Each structure stands twice: as C-alpha cells, then as structure tokens.
C-alpha cells in the first residue's frame, strides 16, 4: 500500500503561491506577516492536516523533545510502574519517550545508549544492568553534555542525580518484622551482589540480625534472581537438612520460588517458615498464602526522575552533581508472615 504523503511547509507555500519563509513565519505568528496571510496559511494547514516535523524543529532548536529510557527488564512489575510515571510527566511537558531494555547485559546497555544518542535524545533516564561494573559508557554521555538521571539502580561512581529508595533501611525493617514474628534462623536470598541495591539489602539483613543477637546469618547469592533460583536454593537447604524458620528474599520472584519449594516439601507458610519479598508485585496479593513484601513507589520514582531530567535539560548552565533523592518504602504485611 502506498504511504500517504506528509504535508510539508513547501506544499503549503506552493499552493498559496508564497515563499516558504512566509509560511514558516505565519505558522510561528511572526509580527511581520499580515493577519490576512496568517489566516490563509493556518486555514490551509488545517485543511491539509499539516503537522510540524518535530525532528526538523529539534535540529533547528538543538532539541528533539525526546527522552531515552533504559531499563533492565520491561516485564518487571516495578519497572512497568516507573515507566507509567515517566510517561505521565513526559506527556505533560510535550516530550516523546524512547524505551530500551538491557536484558541485564552491559554490552546491550552500551549499545542502547549509542542507539538513543543517534536519535538525538535530549537526555537519558537509566536503571543499570546487573552486569554493569564499568561505567565509562555513562561518562561518555556526560562528556557530550547530555544529562543522565539514574533511578532505582544507580552506580555510586557516576556523579549525577539519582532517584532511589533506602534499600538498607527497607531490608532492615523487613527482617525486624520476621524477628518479631519469632523467627530466629532467617535466610537471605540475595540478588547478584554486583548491584548496589543487592549489597544494601544484604547489609540491612545483617544489621537486623546483629542487633538482635542472631549470630547465624545465612546469605545465599542468587545469580539470576529468578523464581527458579529461589526454588533451587531453598530446596537445597531442605535436602541438606539445614534448619531455618524465616526467608527474606531480595525480590518477589525469589520469594515465590522459595514458597513453592516449601509447599512441595509440605512445609507450612508461615507456621514453619515465614517469607518476605521485595518490590510488591501485583501477584503478591493473589497467591496463597499472600506474600508480605516491601513496596517501592515505582510510579512516584518515574515522575520525580523525569521531572529532574527536564529541569536539567532546561537549564543550559546545569553542572552534573551527585544529588540523591530518597523515596520512602512501606512493608505490606500479608499472610506469609502472620504467624
């Protein structure tokens, strides 16, 4: 099927028998153009459904009104909620958003950045991949005076604005909740510890255990942070006859896998083992028993990150600095810990 021709300023000028510059000025309400000419141009533009070329305007104004967003996984409930917040603020300010997912690969993350830069994005919102331990590709962006705002997963080494939660305190409070439910042998299923948020959650766990004199902490690093990881690690503990009565998982998928392993071995939740996850995915309230989880304000995080980036883009004299905005979390208590 032949694609419909998009009407341009040249088309309008040709039909009206005037110069392209005259049409351009009329469309932009230039004071040197007569009201009669403006009316003729606007009337024809409406009749022909003329729409300005945003890319051309961006090149002229050194702005494309486009933002690039890189997330680890688009299917992740938390990141989906962040995207909703980003799009809300972007729409209000007339920005278009281009999304890429790194699939937790630093190589893909770096390629995504190059692809977005080739589309002349005005700025980047990024949540780093698990495998990112070298940050030179971020430094390259900053050297081009393109602002970056990190959200959730933010490398301490890059001095820019970061929108995060206090993972250490959130984890500490979650483990304290388990302890108050009379759990004394608590296992921590950690996501890959190359990530700063994973290390913070581990530290929160250890701090709570130490404060209550529980000298038997057990941290198990789960490379993929998946449901299968959670299942296999807990099943191994059961088969090795290692006693435990509580599980604090670094994310909800690990917690779900752990719960399935407990069920398959006829271990009652929460009577025998209480379980807490992190992120509060939608399914937490739907499974049986429902899962206690740390709720992260994803949509609010997306809104604040987008607003911060727009402010930096608008301020031509902005100098990147290590500004950290910390949002509050909430422990949503459900059946999996109500002993």
Foldseek 3Di string as FASTA:
>chain_A
DDDDDADDLVNLCVVVVHDSVLLVCLVVVNPVHDPVSSVSSVVVCVVRVHDDDLLVVCVVVVASLEEEEEAADCVDQLQVLLVLLQVVQSVVVVHHYDYDHQVLDVVSVLVSVVVVVVSVHQAYEYAHHLPDPDCVSVVVCVVVVRYYEYEAFDDPVDFFEYEHAQLLQLLLVVLVLLVVLVWQFEEEEFEAPSTPSRVSNVNSNVVNNVVVVRPRYHYDYQDVLALCSLQVVLLVCVVVVPAGQEYEYAAVRSQNSVVVNCVVVVHDFNVRHFYEHEQCGPCQVVDVQRHWYKHDNSSVRSNVRNVVSVVSSVDSPDDGGRHYHHDYIDTDDTRRRPD
